[in-house]
PDB file of N, CA and C in Angstrom:
ATOM      1  N   MET A   1      25.087  -1.935-109.566  1.00  0.00           N
ATOM      2  CA  MET A   1      25.633  -1.884-108.214  1.00  0.00           C
ATOM      3  C   MET A   1      24.976  -0.770-107.402  1.00  0.00           C
ATOM      4  N   ILE A   2      24.786   0.397-108.022  1.00  0.00           N
ATOM      5  CA  ILE A   2      24.164   1.511-107.305  1.00  0.00           C
ATOM      6  C   ILE A   2      22.742   1.153-106.906  1.00  0.00           C
ATOM      7  N   PHE A   3      22.012   0.493-107.796  1.00  0.00           N
ATOM      8  CA  PHE A   3      20.642   0.090-107.498  1.00  0.00           C
ATOM      9  C   PHE A   3      20.602  -0.830-106.282  1.00  0.00           C
ATOM     10  N   ARG A   4      21.544  -1.749-106.194  1.00  0.00           N
ATOM     11  CA  ARG A   4      21.591  -2.690-105.067  1.00  0.00           C
ATOM     12  C   ARG A   4      21.873  -1.953-103.753  1.00  0.00           C
ATOM     13  N   VAL A   5      22.778  -0.998-103.751  1.00  0.00           N
ATOM     14  CA  VAL A   5      23.099  -0.211-102.558  1.00  0.00           C
ATOM     15  C   VAL A   5      21.865   0.591-102.121  1.00  0.00           C
ATOM     16  N   GLU A   6      21.173   1.180-103.087  1.00  0.00           N
ATOM     17  CA  GLU A   6      19.960   1.935-102.751  1.00  0.00           C
ATOM     18  C   GLU A   6      18.894   1.028-102.152  1.00  0.00           C
ATOM     19  N   LYS A   7      18.775  -0.179-102.684  1.00  0.00           N
ATOM     20  CA  LYS A   7      17.794  -1.129-102.174  1.00  0.00           C
ATOM     21  C   LYS A   7      18.137  -1.538-100.737  1.00  0.00           C
ATOM     22  N   ILE A   8      19.397  -1.808-100.475  1.00  0.00           N
ATOM     23  CA  ILE A   8      19.832  -2.154 -99.114  1.00  0.00           C
ATOM     24  C   ILE A   8      19.582  -0.976 -98.177  1.00  0.00           C
ATOM     25  N   PHE A   9      19.913   0.223 -98.634  1.00  0.00           N
ATOM     26  CA  PHE A   9      19.687   1.425 -97.830  1.00  0.00           C
ATOM     27  C   PHE A   9      18.199   1.592 -97.517  1.00  0.00           C
ATOM     28  N   LEU A  10      17.343   1.370 -98.502  1.00  0.00           N
ATOM     29  CA  LEU A  10      15.897   1.470 -98.304  1.00  0.00           C
ATOM     30  C   LEU A  10      15.423   0.454 -97.279  1.00  0.00           C
ATOM     31  N   HIS A  11      15.929  -0.765 -97.362  1.00  0.00           N
ATOM     32  CA  HIS A  11      15.563  -1.791 -96.386  1.00  0.00           C
ATOM     33  C   HIS A  11      15.991  -1.395 -94.971  1.00  0.00           C
ATOM     34  N   MET A  12      17.158  -0.810 -94.850  1.00  0.00           N
ATOM     35  CA  MET A  12      17.636  -0.370 -93.535  1.00  0.00           C
ATOM     36  C   MET A  12      16.736   0.738 -92.983  1.00  0.00           C
ATOM     37  N   ILE A  13      16.351   1.667 -93.824  1.00  0.00           N
ATOM     38  CA  ILE A  13      15.472   2.759 -93.393  1.00  0.00           C
ATOM     39  C   ILE A  13      14.133   2.202 -92.931  1.00  0.00           C
ATOM     40  N   LEU A  14      13.555   1.287 -93.721  1.00  0.00           N
ATOM     41  CA  LEU A  14      12.271   0.684 -93.350  1.00  0.00           C
ATOM     42  C   LEU A  14      12.382  -0.096 -92.042  1.00  0.00           C
ATOM     43  N   LEU A  15      13.463  -0.827 -91.876  1.00  0.00           N
ATOM     44  CA  LEU A  15      13.674  -1.578 -90.649  1.00  0.00           C
ATOM     45  C   LEU A  15      13.757  -0.642 -89.448  1.00  0.00           C
ATOM     46  N   LEU A  16      14.497   0.440 -89.579  1.00  0.00           N
ATOM     47  CA  LEU A  16      14.584   1.426 -88.495  1.00  0.00           C
ATOM     48  C   LEU A  16      13.232   2.058 -88.207  1.00  0.00           C
ATOM     49  N   PHE A  17      12.493   2.377 -89.242  1.00  0.00           N
ATOM     50  CA  PHE A  17      11.184   3.004 -89.092  1.00  0.00           C
ATOM     51  C   PHE A  17      10.226   2.091 -88.337  1.00  0.00           C
ATOM     52  N   PHE A  18      10.141   0.833 -88.746  1.00  0.00           N
ATOM     53  CA  PHE A  18       9.209  -0.084 -88.109  1.00  0.00           C
ATOM     54  C   PHE A  18       9.652  -0.480 -86.704  1.00  0.00           C
ATOM     55  N   SER A  19      10.939  -0.636 -86.475  1.00  0.00           N
ATOM     56  CA  SER A  19      11.397  -0.978 -85.130  1.00  0.00           C
ATOM     57  C   SER A  19      11.209   0.193 -84.182  1.00  0.00           C
ATOM     58  N   ALA A  20      11.337   1.429 -84.663  1.00  0.00           N
ATOM     59  CA  ALA A  20      11.081   2.605 -83.817  1.00  0.00           C
ATOM     60  C   ALA A  20       9.612   2.671 -83.468  1.00  0.00           C
ATOM     61  N   GLY A  21       8.751   2.338 -84.417  1.00  0.00           N
ATOM     62  CA  GLY A  21       7.317   2.342 -84.152  1.00  0.00           C
ATOM     63  C   GLY A  21       6.933   1.332 -83.098  1.00  0.00           C
ATOM     64  N   VAL A  22       7.546   0.171 -83.113  1.00  0.00           N
ATOM     65  CA  VAL A  22       7.244  -0.858 -82.121  1.00  0.00           C
ATOM     66  C   VAL A  22       7.722  -0.429 -80.745  1.00  0.00           C
ATOM     67  N   SER A  23       8.876   0.205 -80.668  1.00  0.00           N
ATOM     68  CA  SER A  23       9.416   0.588 -79.368  1.00  0.00           C
ATOM     69  C   SER A  23       8.645   1.738 -78.726  1.00  0.00           C
ATOM     70  N   THR A  24       7.916   2.524 -79.531  1.00  0.00           N
ATOM     71  CA  THR A  24       7.183   3.638 -78.951  1.00  0.00           C
ATOM     72  C   THR A  24       5.762   3.263 -78.532  1.00  0.00           C
ATOM     73  N   VAL A  25       5.343   2.041 -78.820  1.00  0.00           N
ATOM     74  CA  VAL A  25       4.022   1.608 -78.377  1.00  0.00           C
ATOM     75  C   VAL A  25       4.063   1.488 -76.852  1.00  0.00           C
ATOM     76  N   GLN A  26       3.142   2.166 -76.193  1.00  0.00           N
ATOM     77  CA  GLN A  26       3.141   2.182 -74.734  1.00  0.00           C
ATOM     78  C   GLN A  26       2.121   1.201 -74.186  1.00  0.00           C
ATOM     79  N   ALA A  27       2.447   0.647 -73.037  1.00  0.00           N
ATOM     80  CA  ALA A  27       1.488  -0.199 -72.348  1.00  0.00           C
ATOM     81  C   ALA A  27       0.365   0.679 -71.812  1.00  0.00           C
ATOM     82  N   GLU A  28      -0.800   0.090 -71.695  1.00  0.00           N
ATOM     83  CA  GLU A  28      -1.943   0.835 -71.183  1.00  0.00           C
ATOM     84  C   GLU A  28      -1.672   1.276 -69.743  1.00  0.00           C
ATOM     85  N   LYS A  29      -2.114   2.481 -69.402  1.00  0.00           N
ATOM     86  CA  LYS A  29      -1.915   3.005 -68.063  1.00  0.00           C
ATOM     87  C   LYS A  29      -2.750   2.214 -67.061  1.00  0.00           C
ATOM     88  N   PRO A  30      -2.221   1.995 -65.843  1.00  0.00           N
ATOM     89  CA  PRO A  30      -3.035   1.335 -64.824  1.00  0.00           C
ATOM     90  C   PRO A  30      -4.312   2.144 -64.569  1.00  0.00           C
ATOM     91  N   LEU A  31      -5.415   1.436 -64.361  1.00  0.00           N
ATOM     92  CA  LEU A  31      -6.712   2.063 -64.120  1.00  0.00           C
ATOM     93  C   LEU A  31      -7.135   1.795 -62.683  1.00  0.00           C
ATOM     94  N   ILE A  32      -7.440   2.864 -61.953  1.00  0.00           N
ATOM     95  CA  ILE A  32      -7.939   2.765 -60.585  1.00  0.00           C
ATOM     96  C   ILE A  32      -9.341   3.358 -60.565  1.00  0.00           C
ATOM     97  N   GLU A  33     -10.312   2.593 -60.048  1.00  0.00           N
ATOM     98  CA  GLU A  33     -11.682   3.083 -59.954  1.00  0.00           C
ATOM     99  C   GLU A  33     -11.992   3.469 -58.515  1.00  0.00           C
ATOM    100  N   ILE A  34     -12.565   4.657 -58.358  1.00  0.00           N
ATOM    101  CA  ILE A  34     -12.961   5.184 -57.052  1.00  0.00           C
ATOM    102  C   ILE A  34     -14.404   5.640 -57.174  1.00  0.00           C
ATOM    103  N   GLU A  35     -15.202   5.381 -56.140  1.00  0.00           N
ATOM    104  CA  GLU A  35     -16.583   5.848 -56.118  1.00  0.00           C
ATOM    105  C   GLU A  35     -16.765   6.886 -55.018  1.00  0.00           C
ATOM    106  N   ILE A  36     -17.679   7.799 -55.270  1.00  0.00           N
ATOM    107  CA  ILE A  36     -18.141   8.719 -54.233  1.00  0.00           C
ATOM    108  C   ILE A  36     -19.563   8.272 -53.883  1.00  0.00           C
ATOM    109  N   ARG A  37     -19.757   7.853 -52.638  1.00  0.00           N
ATOM    110  CA  ARG A  37     -21.077   7.424 -52.156  1.00  0.00           C
ATOM    111  C   ARG A  37     -21.292   7.999 -50.769  1.00  0.00           C
ATOM    112  N   ASP A  38     -22.429   8.607 -50.560  1.00  0.00           N
ATOM    113  CA  ASP A  38     -22.762   9.194 -49.246  1.00  0.00           C
ATOM    114  C   ASP A  38     -21.675  10.160 -48.781  1.00  0.00           C
ATOM    115  N   HIS A  39     -21.117  10.919 -49.707  1.00  0.00           N
ATOM    116  CA  HIS A  39     -20.078  11.920 -49.441  1.00  0.00           C
ATOM    117  C   HIS A  39     -18.804  11.300 -48.878  1.00  0.00           C
ATOM    118  N   LEU A  40     -18.514  10.063 -49.296  1.00  0.00           N
ATOM    119  CA  LEU A  40     -17.298   9.343 -48.920  1.00  0.00           C
ATOM    120  C   LEU A  40     -16.646   8.779 -50.172  1.00  0.00           C
ATOM    121  N   PHE A  41     -15.322   8.645 -50.151  1.00  0.00           N
ATOM    122  CA  PHE A  41     -14.615   7.979 -51.240  1.00  0.00           C
ATOM    123  C   PHE A  41     -14.503   6.495 -50.914  1.00  0.00           C
ATOM    124  N   TRP A  42     -14.806   5.641 -51.917  1.00  0.00           N
ATOM    125  CA  TRP A  42     -14.729   4.182 -51.778  1.00  0.00           C
ATOM    126  C   TRP A  42     -13.861   3.627 -52.889  1.00  0.00           C
ATOM    127  N   PRO A  43     -12.735   3.027 -52.667  1.00  0.00           N
ATOM    128  CA  PRO A  43     -12.057   2.958 -51.382  1.00  0.00           C
ATOM    129  C   PRO A  43     -11.419   4.308 -51.053  1.00  0.00           C
ATOM    130  N   SER A  44     -11.160   4.497 -49.794  1.00  0.00           N
ATOM    131  CA  SER A  44     -10.559   5.772 -49.381  1.00  0.00           C
ATOM    132  C   SER A  44      -9.037   5.743 -49.515  1.00  0.00           C
ATOM    133  N   GLU A  45      -8.457   4.555 -49.675  1.00  0.00           N
ATOM    134  CA  GLU A  45      -7.018   4.418 -49.890  1.00  0.00           C
ATOM    135  C   GLU A  45      -6.783   3.514 -51.085  1.00  0.00           C
ATOM    136  N   VAL A  46      -5.943   3.977 -51.984  1.00  0.00           N
ATOM    137  CA  VAL A  46      -5.551   3.148 -53.128  1.00  0.00           C
ATOM    138  C   VAL A  46      -4.038   3.177 -53.260  1.00  0.00           C
ATOM    139  N   THR A  47      -3.488   2.065 -53.708  1.00  0.00           N
ATOM    140  CA  THR A  47      -2.050   1.946 -53.889  1.00  0.00           C
ATOM    141  C   THR A  47      -1.748   1.876 -55.379  1.00  0.00           C
ATOM    142  N   VAL A  48      -0.777   2.676 -55.813  1.00  0.00           N
ATOM    143  CA  VAL A  48      -0.379   2.717 -57.219  1.00  0.00           C
ATOM    144  C   VAL A  48       1.131   2.555 -57.309  1.00  0.00           C
ATOM    145  N   PRO A  49       1.626   2.093 -58.466  1.00  0.00           N
ATOM    146  CA  PRO A  49       3.076   1.937 -58.614  1.00  0.00           C
ATOM    147  C   PRO A  49       3.784   3.281 -58.785  1.00  0.00           C
ATOM    148  N   ALA A  50       4.983   3.353 -58.254  1.00  0.00           N
ATOM    149  CA  ALA A  50       5.804   4.564 -58.391  1.00  0.00           C
ATOM    150  C   ALA A  50       6.243   4.731 -59.843  1.00  0.00           C
ATOM    151  N   ASN A  51       6.510   5.972 -60.213  1.00  0.00           N
ATOM    152  CA  ASN A  51       7.055   6.319 -61.526  1.00  0.00           C
ATOM    153  C   ASN A  51       6.203   5.819 -62.690  1.00  0.00           C
ATOM    154  N   THR A  52       4.886   5.810 -62.481  1.00  0.00           N
ATOM    155  CA  THR A  52       3.954   5.319 -63.496  1.00  0.00           C
ATOM    156  C   THR A  52       2.775   6.273 -63.603  1.00  0.00           C
ATOM    157  N   LYS A  53       2.399   6.613 -64.813  1.00  0.00           N
ATOM    158  CA  LYS A  53       1.199   7.428 -65.004  1.00  0.00           C
ATOM    159  C   LYS A  53      -0.021   6.539 -64.781  1.00  0.00           C
ATOM    160  N   VAL A  54      -0.991   7.043 -64.018  1.00  0.00           N
ATOM    161  CA  VAL A  54      -2.154   6.267 -63.624  1.00  0.00           C
ATOM    162  C   VAL A  54      -3.423   7.009 -64.025  1.00  0.00           C
ATOM    163  N   LYS A  55      -4.411   6.251 -64.428  1.00  0.00           N
ATOM    164  CA  LYS A  55      -5.716   6.802 -64.801  1.00  0.00           C
ATOM    165  C   LYS A  55      -6.702   6.507 -63.666  1.00  0.00           C
ATOM    166  N   LEU A  56      -7.206   7.570 -63.032  1.00  0.00           N
ATOM    167  CA  LEU A  56      -8.253   7.418 -62.019  1.00  0.00           C
ATOM    168  C   LEU A  56      -9.598   7.599 -62.709  1.00  0.00           C
ATOM    169  N   LEU A  57     -10.503   6.663 -62.480  1.00  0.00           N
ATOM    170  CA  LEU A  57     -11.861   6.783 -62.978  1.00  0.00           C
ATOM    171  C   LEU A  57     -12.737   6.955 -61.745  1.00  0.00           C
ATOM    172  N   VAL A  58     -13.277   8.164 -61.577  1.00  0.00           N
ATOM    173  CA  VAL A  58     -14.033   8.501 -60.363  1.00  0.00           C
ATOM    174  C   VAL A  58     -15.510   8.579 -60.716  1.00  0.00           C
ATOM    175  N   PHE A  59     -16.297   7.709 -60.093  1.00  0.00           N
ATOM    176  CA  PHE A  59     -17.747   7.683 -60.270  1.00  0.00           C
ATOM    177  C   PHE A  59     -18.391   8.404 -59.097  1.00  0.00           C
ATOM    178  N   ASN A  60     -19.201   9.407 -59.363  1.00  0.00           N
ATOM    179  CA  ASN A  60     -19.948  10.080 -58.303  1.00  0.00           C
ATOM    180  C   ASN A  60     -21.343   9.464 -58.270  1.00  0.00           C
ATOM    181  N   ARG A  61     -21.604   8.598 -57.295  1.00  0.00           N
ATOM    182  CA  ARG A  61     -22.891   7.908 -57.174  1.00  0.00           C
ATOM    183  C   ARG A  61     -23.915   8.749 -56.410  1.00  0.00           C
ATOM    184  N   ASP A  62     -23.472   9.867 -55.835  1.00  0.00           N
ATOM    185  CA  ASP A  62     -24.390  10.760 -55.123  1.00  0.00           C
ATOM    186  C   ASP A  62     -25.158  11.618 -56.132  1.00  0.00           C
ATOM    187  N   PRO A  63     -26.335  12.100 -55.747  1.00  0.00           N
ATOM    188  CA  PRO A  63     -27.085  12.974 -56.652  1.00  0.00           C
ATOM    189  C   PRO A  63     -26.517  14.396 -56.724  1.00  0.00           C
ATOM    190  N   THR A  64     -25.650  14.747 -55.785  1.00  0.00           N
ATOM    191  CA  THR A  64     -25.069  16.093 -55.751  1.00  0.00           C
ATOM    192  C   THR A  64     -23.625  16.073 -56.264  1.00  0.00           C
ATOM    193  N   SER A  65     -23.161  17.214 -56.697  1.00  0.00           N
ATOM    194  CA  SER A  65     -21.803  17.336 -57.222  1.00  0.00           C
ATOM    195  C   SER A  65     -20.766  17.218 -56.109  1.00  0.00           C
ATOM    196  N   GLU A  66     -19.575  16.807 -56.504  1.00  0.00           N
ATOM    197  CA  GLU A  66     -18.433  16.774 -55.594  1.00  0.00           C
ATOM    198  C   GLU A  66     -17.204  17.157 -56.401  1.00  0.00           C
ATOM    199  N   GLU A  67     -16.240  17.753 -55.721  1.00  0.00           N
ATOM    200  CA  GLU A  67     -14.990  18.122 -56.375  1.00  0.00           C
ATOM    201  C   GLU A  67     -13.860  17.287 -55.802  1.00  0.00           C
ATOM    202  N   PHE A  68     -13.211  16.499 -56.664  1.00  0.00           N
ATOM    203  CA  PHE A  68     -12.008  15.771 -56.282  1.00  0.00           C
ATOM    204  C   PHE A  68     -10.887  16.795 -56.250  1.00  0.00           C
ATOM    205  N   GLU A  69     -10.244  16.924 -55.098  1.00  0.00           N
ATOM    206  CA  GLU A  69      -9.179  17.926 -54.973  1.00  0.00           C
ATOM    207  C   GLU A  69      -7.998  17.359 -54.209  1.00  0.00           C
ATOM    208  N   SER A  70      -6.798  17.715 -54.672  1.00  0.00           N
ATOM    209  CA  SER A  70      -5.573  17.339 -53.993  1.00  0.00           C
ATOM    210  C   SER A  70      -4.507  18.378 -54.274  1.00  0.00           C
ATOM    211  N   TYR A  71      -4.016  18.998 -53.225  1.00  0.00           N
ATOM    212  CA  TYR A  71      -2.929  19.963 -53.385  1.00  0.00           C
ATOM    213  C   TYR A  71      -1.641  19.236 -53.754  1.00  0.00           C
ATOM    214  N   GLU A  72      -1.414  18.070 -53.140  1.00  0.00           N
ATOM    215  CA  GLU A  72      -0.188  17.308 -53.369  1.00  0.00           C
ATOM    216  C   GLU A  72      -0.113  16.739 -54.787  1.00  0.00           C
ATOM    217  N   LEU A  73      -1.277  16.376 -55.340  1.00  0.00           N
ATOM    218  CA  LEU A  73      -1.324  15.862 -56.714  1.00  0.00           C
ATOM    219  C   LEU A  73      -1.503  16.968 -57.746  1.00  0.00           C
ATOM    220  N   ASN A  74      -1.794  18.181 -57.262  1.00  0.00           N
ATOM    221  CA  ASN A  74      -2.057  19.329 -58.135  1.00  0.00           C
ATOM    222  C   ASN A  74      -3.219  19.031 -59.092  1.00  0.00           C
ATOM    223  N   ARG A  75      -4.313  18.515 -58.507  1.00  0.00           N
ATOM    224  CA  ARG A  75      -5.490  18.163 -59.297  1.00  0.00           C
ATOM    225  C   ARG A  75      -6.759  18.657 -58.611  1.00  0.00           C
ATOM    226  N   GLU A  76      -7.698  19.114 -59.412  1.00  0.00           N
ATOM    227  CA  GLU A  76      -9.044  19.402 -58.937  1.00  0.00           C
ATOM    228  C   GLU A  76     -10.001  19.206 -60.097  1.00  0.00           C
ATOM    229  N   LYS A  77     -11.104  18.523 -59.805  1.00  0.00           N
ATOM    230  CA  LYS A  77     -12.055  18.210 -60.861  1.00  0.00           C
ATOM    231  C   LYS A  77     -13.448  18.093 -60.249  1.00  0.00           C
ATOM    232  N   VAL A  78     -14.383  18.894 -60.743  1.00  0.00           N
ATOM    233  CA  VAL A  78     -15.774  18.798 -60.300  1.00  0.00           C
ATOM    234  C   VAL A  78     -16.422  17.646 -61.044  1.00  0.00           C
ATOM    235  N   ILE A  79     -17.088  16.789 -60.278  1.00  0.00           N
ATOM    236  CA  ILE A  79     -17.791  15.646 -60.850  1.00  0.00           C
ATOM    237  C   ILE A  79     -19.265  15.805 -60.491  1.00  0.00           C
ATOM    238  N   MET A  80     -20.077  16.006 -61.486  1.00  0.00           N
ATOM    239  CA  MET A  80     -21.501  16.214 -61.276  1.00  0.00           C
ATOM    240  C   MET A  80     -22.136  14.957 -60.685  1.00  0.00           C
ATOM    241  N   GLY A  81     -23.297  15.119 -60.050  1.00  0.00           N
ATOM    242  CA  GLY A  81     -24.007  13.984 -59.465  1.00  0.00           C
ATOM    243  C   GLY A  81     -24.328  12.926 -60.505  1.00  0.00           C
ATOM    244  N   ASN A  82     -24.128  11.666 -60.120  1.00  0.00           N
ATOM    245  CA  ASN A  82     -24.393  10.511 -60.989  1.00  0.00           C
ATOM    246  C   ASN A  82     -23.605  10.555 -62.305  1.00  0.00           C
ATOM    247  N   GLN A  83     -22.418  11.139 -62.262  1.00  0.00           N
ATOM    248  CA  GLN A  83     -21.540  11.212 -63.432  1.00  0.00           C
ATOM    249  C   GLN A  83     -20.180  10.623 -63.065  1.00  0.00           C
ATOM    250  N   LYS A  84     -19.295  10.553 -64.047  1.00  0.00           N
ATOM    251  CA  LYS A  84     -17.940  10.055 -63.805  1.00  0.00           C
ATOM    252  C   LYS A  84     -16.941  10.992 -64.464  1.00  0.00           C
ATOM    253  N   ALA A  85     -15.701  10.898 -64.005  1.00  0.00           N
ATOM    254  CA  ALA A  85     -14.631  11.729 -64.556  1.00  0.00           C
ATOM    255  C   ALA A  85     -13.337  10.929 -64.570  1.00  0.00           C
ATOM    256  N   VAL A  86     -12.481  11.276 -65.507  1.00  0.00           N
ATOM    257  CA  VAL A  86     -11.151  10.671 -65.606  1.00  0.00           C
ATOM    258  C   VAL A  86     -10.141  11.710 -65.136  1.00  0.00           C
ATOM    259  N   ILE A  87      -9.242  11.270 -64.256  1.00  0.00           N
ATOM    260  CA  ILE A  87      -8.184  12.134 -63.740  1.00  0.00           C
ATOM    261  C   ILE A  87      -6.873  11.368 -63.868  1.00  0.00           C
ATOM    262  N   TYR A  88      -5.918  11.946 -64.582  1.00  0.00           N
ATOM    263  CA  TYR A  88      -4.603  11.319 -64.721  1.00  0.00           C
ATOM    264  C   TYR A  88      -3.677  11.864 -63.644  1.00  0.00           C
ATOM    265  N   ILE A  89      -2.931  10.951 -63.025  1.00  0.00           N
ATOM    266  CA  ILE A  89      -1.925  11.355 -62.031  1.00  0.00           C
ATOM    267  C   ILE A  89      -0.612  10.667 -62.368  1.00  0.00           C
ATOM    268  N   GLY A  90       0.465  11.280 -61.896  1.00  0.00           N
ATOM    269  CA  GLY A  90       1.763  10.658 -62.043  1.00  0.00           C
ATOM    270  C   GLY A  90       2.449  11.054 -63.328  1.00  0.00           C
ATOM    271  N   PRO A  91       3.635  10.481 -63.467  1.00  0.00           N
ATOM    272  CA  PRO A  91       4.306   9.549 -62.574  1.00  0.00           C
ATOM    273  C   PRO A  91       4.706  10.213 -61.255  1.00  0.00           C
ATOM    274  N   LEU A  92       4.587   9.444 -60.178  1.00  0.00           N
ATOM    275  CA  LEU A  92       4.817   9.976 -58.831  1.00  0.00           C
ATOM    276  C   LEU A  92       5.941   9.229 -58.127  1.00  0.00           C
ATOM    277  N   LEU A  93       6.606   9.936 -57.235  1.00  0.00           N
ATOM    278  CA  LEU A  93       7.603   9.317 -56.359  1.00  0.00           C
ATOM    279  C   LEU A  93       6.881   8.593 -55.230  1.00  0.00           C
ATOM    280  N   PRO A  94       7.526   7.602 -54.612  1.00  0.00           N
ATOM    281  CA  PRO A  94       6.894   6.922 -53.479  1.00  0.00           C
ATOM    282  C   PRO A  94       6.504   7.916 -52.386  1.00  0.00           C
ATOM    283  N   GLY A  95       5.363   7.669 -51.780  1.00  0.00           N
ATOM    284  CA  GLY A  95       4.863   8.544 -50.725  1.00  0.00           C
ATOM    285  C   GLY A  95       3.356   8.442 -50.618  1.00  0.00           C
ATOM    286  N   VAL A  96       2.790   9.334 -49.816  1.00  0.00           N
ATOM    287  CA  VAL A  96       1.343   9.376 -49.585  1.00  0.00           C
ATOM    288  C   VAL A  96       0.831  10.726 -50.076  1.00  0.00           C
ATOM    289  N   TYR A  97      -0.206  10.688 -50.892  1.00  0.00           N
ATOM    290  CA  TYR A  97      -0.777  11.881 -51.515  1.00  0.00           C
ATOM    291  C   TYR A  97      -2.264  11.958 -51.147  1.00  0.00           C
ATOM    292  N   PRO A  98      -2.621  12.816 -50.185  1.00  0.00           N
ATOM    293  CA  PRO A  98      -4.031  12.910 -49.786  1.00  0.00           C
ATOM    294  C   PRO A  98      -4.879  13.627 -50.831  1.00  0.00           C
ATOM    295  N   PHE A  99      -6.174  13.279 -50.833  1.00  0.00           N
ATOM    296  CA  PHE A  99      -7.159  13.989 -51.641  1.00  0.00           C
ATOM    297  C   PHE A  99      -8.436  14.121 -50.829  1.00  0.00           C
ATOM    298  N   PHE A 100      -9.315  15.025 -51.248  1.00  0.00           N
ATOM    299  CA  PHE A 100     -10.550  15.246 -50.494  1.00  0.00           C
ATOM    300  C   PHE A 100     -11.628  15.782 -51.414  1.00  0.00           C
ATOM    301  N   GLY A 101     -12.856  15.746 -50.918  1.00  0.00           N
ATOM    302  CA  GLY A 101     -13.980  16.327 -51.633  1.00  0.00           C
ATOM    303  C   GLY A 101     -14.167  17.760 -51.170  1.00  0.00           C
ATOM    304  N   GLU A 102     -13.996  18.689 -52.062  1.00  0.00           N
ATOM    305  CA  GLU A 102     -14.080  20.111 -51.709  1.00  0.00           C
ATOM    306  C   GLU A 102     -15.432  20.487 -51.110  1.00  0.00           C
ATOM    307  N   PHE A 103     -16.510  19.851 -51.574  1.00  0.00           N
ATOM    308  CA  PHE A 103     -17.837  20.222 -51.100  1.00  0.00           C
ATOM    309  C   PHE A 103     -18.222  19.514 -49.799  1.00  0.00           C
ATOM    310  N   ASN A 104     -17.495  18.457 -49.438  1.00  0.00           N
ATOM    311  CA  ASN A 104     -17.730  17.717 -48.188  1.00  0.00           C
ATOM    312  C   ASN A 104     -16.391  17.313 -47.576  1.00  0.00           C
ATOM    313  N   PRO A 105     -15.556  18.293 -47.214  1.00  0.00           N
ATOM    314  CA  PRO A 105     -14.191  17.978 -46.789  1.00  0.00           C
ATOM    315  C   PRO A 105     -14.098  17.213 -45.469  1.00  0.00           C
ATOM    316  N   ASP A 106     -15.140  17.277 -44.640  1.00  0.00           N
ATOM    317  CA  ASP A 106     -15.085  16.553 -43.369  1.00  0.00           C
ATOM    318  C   ASP A 106     -15.270  15.046 -43.541  1.00  0.00           C
ATOM    319  N   THR A 107     -15.971  14.632 -44.580  1.00  0.00           N
ATOM    320  CA  THR A 107     -16.243  13.214 -44.772  1.00  0.00           C
ATOM    321  C   THR A 107     -15.539  12.625 -45.993  1.00  0.00           C
ATOM    322  N   ALA A 108     -15.461  13.362 -47.061  1.00  0.00           N
ATOM    323  CA  ALA A 108     -14.876  12.864 -48.302  1.00  0.00           C
ATOM    324  C   ALA A 108     -13.373  13.056 -48.288  1.00  0.00           C
ATOM    325  N   GLN A 109     -12.665  12.052 -47.766  1.00  0.00           N
ATOM    326  CA  GLN A 109     -11.216  12.117 -47.674  1.00  0.00           C
ATOM    327  C   GLN A 109     -10.610  10.787 -48.112  1.00  0.00           C
ATOM    328  N   GLY A 110      -9.448  10.865 -48.708  1.00  0.00           N
ATOM    329  CA  GLY A 110      -8.755   9.652 -49.122  1.00  0.00           C
ATOM    330  C   GLY A 110      -7.298   9.927 -49.354  1.00  0.00           C
ATOM    331  N   LYS A 111      -6.587   8.876 -49.769  1.00  0.00           N
ATOM    332  CA  LYS A 111      -5.172   9.049 -50.066  1.00  0.00           C
ATOM    333  C   LYS A 111      -4.704   8.032 -51.095  1.00  0.00           C
ATOM    334  N   ILE A 112      -3.767   8.488 -51.892  1.00  0.00           N
ATOM    335  CA  ILE A 112      -3.087   7.647 -52.870  1.00  0.00           C
ATOM    336  C   ILE A 112      -1.739   7.260 -52.231  1.00  0.00           C
ATOM    337  N   ILE A 113      -1.503   5.977 -52.137  1.00  0.00           N
ATOM    338  CA  ILE A 113      -0.229   5.477 -51.603  1.00  0.00           C
ATOM    339  C   ILE A 113       0.594   4.989 -52.791  1.00  0.00           C
ATOM    340  N   VAL A 114       1.754   5.590 -52.959  1.00  0.00           N
ATOM    341  CA  VAL A 114       2.621   5.270 -54.095  1.00  0.00           C
ATOM    342  C   VAL A 114       3.791   4.441 -53.580  1.00  0.00           C
ATOM    343  N   GLU A 115       3.919   3.239 -54.143  1.00  0.00           N
ATOM    344  CA  GLU A 115       5.008   2.331 -53.734  1.00  0.00           C
ATOM    345  C   GLU A 115       5.865   1.959 -54.912  1.00  0.00           C
TER     346      GLU A 115
END
């Protein structure tokens, strides 16, 4: 009888272990691609879902470096010429979050729209 109870208990533990593992598997984060070309962000506006962590993949197609910067997103990242960088943002509340290129702030401007 004790052996049977231990076996049932073991099965319950394994079931809990495997079901917890399945519930912690996360969906892949949304991916947004942005390019820097001619000291401009393309696209200059992107829309992302609220309350979701998002992966920005920023390609700098210019031969010179640019810095992706946003005070509202609390992010800054130098991207060397002809290189790419990954920047994670969020989860964010609905709103508009501007960003700019530190080295070309007059032309390199954009915004993240969170809905």
